[in-house]
Protein backbone atom coordinates (compact mmCIF):
# COMPACT_ATOMS: atom_id res chain seq x y z
CA UNK A 1 43.04 77.69 -14.22
CA UNK A 2 42.39 74.27 -16.05
CA UNK A 3 43.20 71.05 -14.56
CA UNK A 4 42.46 67.64 -16.56
CA UNK A 5 43.14 63.79 -15.74
CA UNK A 6 43.84 61.84 -18.77
CA UNK A 7 45.32 58.64 -19.68
CA UNK A 8 47.64 57.54 -22.61
CA UNK A 9 48.67 54.12 -24.10
CA UNK A 10 52.39 53.24 -25.23
CA UNK A 11 53.32 50.54 -28.04
CA UNK A 12 56.74 50.03 -29.22
CA UNK A 13 59.77 48.39 -29.54
CA UNK A 14 62.81 47.95 -27.06
CA UNK A 15 65.84 47.04 -28.48
CA UNK A 16 69.12 46.00 -27.38
CA UNK A 17 72.35 46.15 -29.34
CA UNK A 18 75.64 44.42 -27.95
CA UNK A 19 79.11 45.80 -28.79
CA UNK A 20 82.41 44.39 -27.80
CA UNK A 21 81.58 41.50 -27.19
CA UNK A 22 81.73 37.71 -28.74
CA UNK A 23 78.47 35.98 -30.08
CA UNK A 24 76.65 39.66 -30.89
CA UNK A 25 72.86 38.76 -30.74
CA UNK A 26 70.84 41.96 -31.12
CA UNK A 27 67.16 41.74 -29.61
CA UNK A 28 63.98 43.32 -29.74
CA UNK A 29 61.13 43.12 -27.47
CA UNK A 30 57.44 44.72 -27.37
CA UNK A 31 56.81 47.53 -25.25
CA UNK A 32 53.30 48.16 -23.80
CA UNK A 33 52.41 50.80 -21.19
CA UNK A 34 49.45 52.67 -19.58
CA UNK A 35 50.30 56.06 -18.66
CA UNK A 36 47.65 58.35 -16.34
CA UNK A 37 48.51 62.08 -17.19
CA UNK A 38 47.30 65.13 -14.83
CA UNK A 39 47.50 68.18 -17.01
CA UNK A 40 47.57 71.88 -15.57
CA UNK A 41 47.31 75.03 -17.39
CA UNK A 42 46.91 78.62 -16.71
CA UNK A 43 46.08 81.24 -18.83
CA UNK A 44 47.05 84.85 -17.31
CA UNK A 45 46.56 86.38 -20.71
CA UNK A 46 43.94 85.76 -23.35
CA UNK A 47 46.76 84.37 -25.92
CA UNK A 48 49.40 83.34 -23.44
CA UNK A 49 48.79 79.47 -21.61
CA UNK A 50 51.22 78.19 -18.86
CA UNK A 51 51.02 74.33 -18.73
CA UNK A 52 52.33 71.98 -16.46
CA UNK A 53 51.90 68.00 -17.21
CA UNK A 54 53.18 64.83 -14.77
CA UNK A 55 52.88 61.63 -16.39
CA UNK A 56 52.87 58.18 -14.56
CA UNK A 57 54.32 55.15 -16.82
CA UNK A 58 53.19 51.59 -15.73
CA UNK A 59 54.77 48.85 -18.46
CA UNK A 60 52.30 46.25 -19.04
CA UNK A 61 54.92 43.73 -19.67
CA UNK A 62 58.68 43.94 -18.11
CA UNK A 63 61.14 42.49 -19.78
CA UNK A 64 65.04 41.80 -18.26
CA UNK A 65 67.99 42.01 -20.09
CA UNK A 66 70.60 39.35 -19.16
CA UNK A 67 74.25 38.33 -20.60
CA UNK A 68 74.65 34.51 -20.86
CA UNK A 69 78.02 33.10 -20.30
CA UNK A 70 79.58 30.70 -22.33
CA UNK A 71 80.09 28.15 -19.60
CA UNK A 72 77.03 26.69 -18.69
CA UNK A 73 77.88 26.39 -15.25
CA UNK A 74 78.04 29.95 -14.62
CA UNK A 75 74.57 32.22 -13.89
CA UNK A 76 73.17 34.78 -16.17
CA UNK A 77 74.12 38.31 -15.32
CA UNK A 78 71.49 40.93 -15.12
CA UNK A 79 72.30 44.07 -17.52
CA UNK A 80 68.83 45.86 -17.19
CA UNK A 81 65.19 45.31 -16.09
CA UNK A 82 62.61 47.71 -16.47
CA UNK A 83 61.49 49.46 -13.46
CA UNK A 84 57.93 49.13 -11.92
CA UNK A 85 56.55 52.64 -12.54
CA UNK A 86 58.17 55.75 -14.32
CA UNK A 87 57.36 59.26 -13.81
CA UNK A 88 57.93 62.22 -16.37
CA UNK A 89 56.80 65.94 -16.27
CA UNK A 90 57.03 68.64 -18.87
CA UNK A 91 56.01 72.12 -18.40
CA UNK A 92 55.52 74.74 -21.35
CA UNK A 93 54.56 77.90 -22.63
CA UNK A 94 51.77 78.25 -25.35
CA UNK A 95 50.72 81.16 -27.67
CA UNK A 96 47.05 80.81 -28.41
CA UNK A 97 45.33 82.50 -31.23
CA UNK A 98 41.50 82.98 -30.93
């Protein structure tokens, strides 16, 4: 049995491409996140490893995507906002060659 706390860092781009609307304006924004990771591994045989990883995702910059109406008197409509925290998990089977 093997347990390992780890960490990861994500950097990339979020992109929104509008469709079926007037005045299409695609937008991209920077994506940064810190990810604490907990890895568990069990090796029942010398050549076989079973693994489970749990990952938290904490965006460092939380952007919002809004629809801006043509009429200035109408309020912006929130289309999507990034959550405060996310979670991911993965399981795997590995063949280990000495």
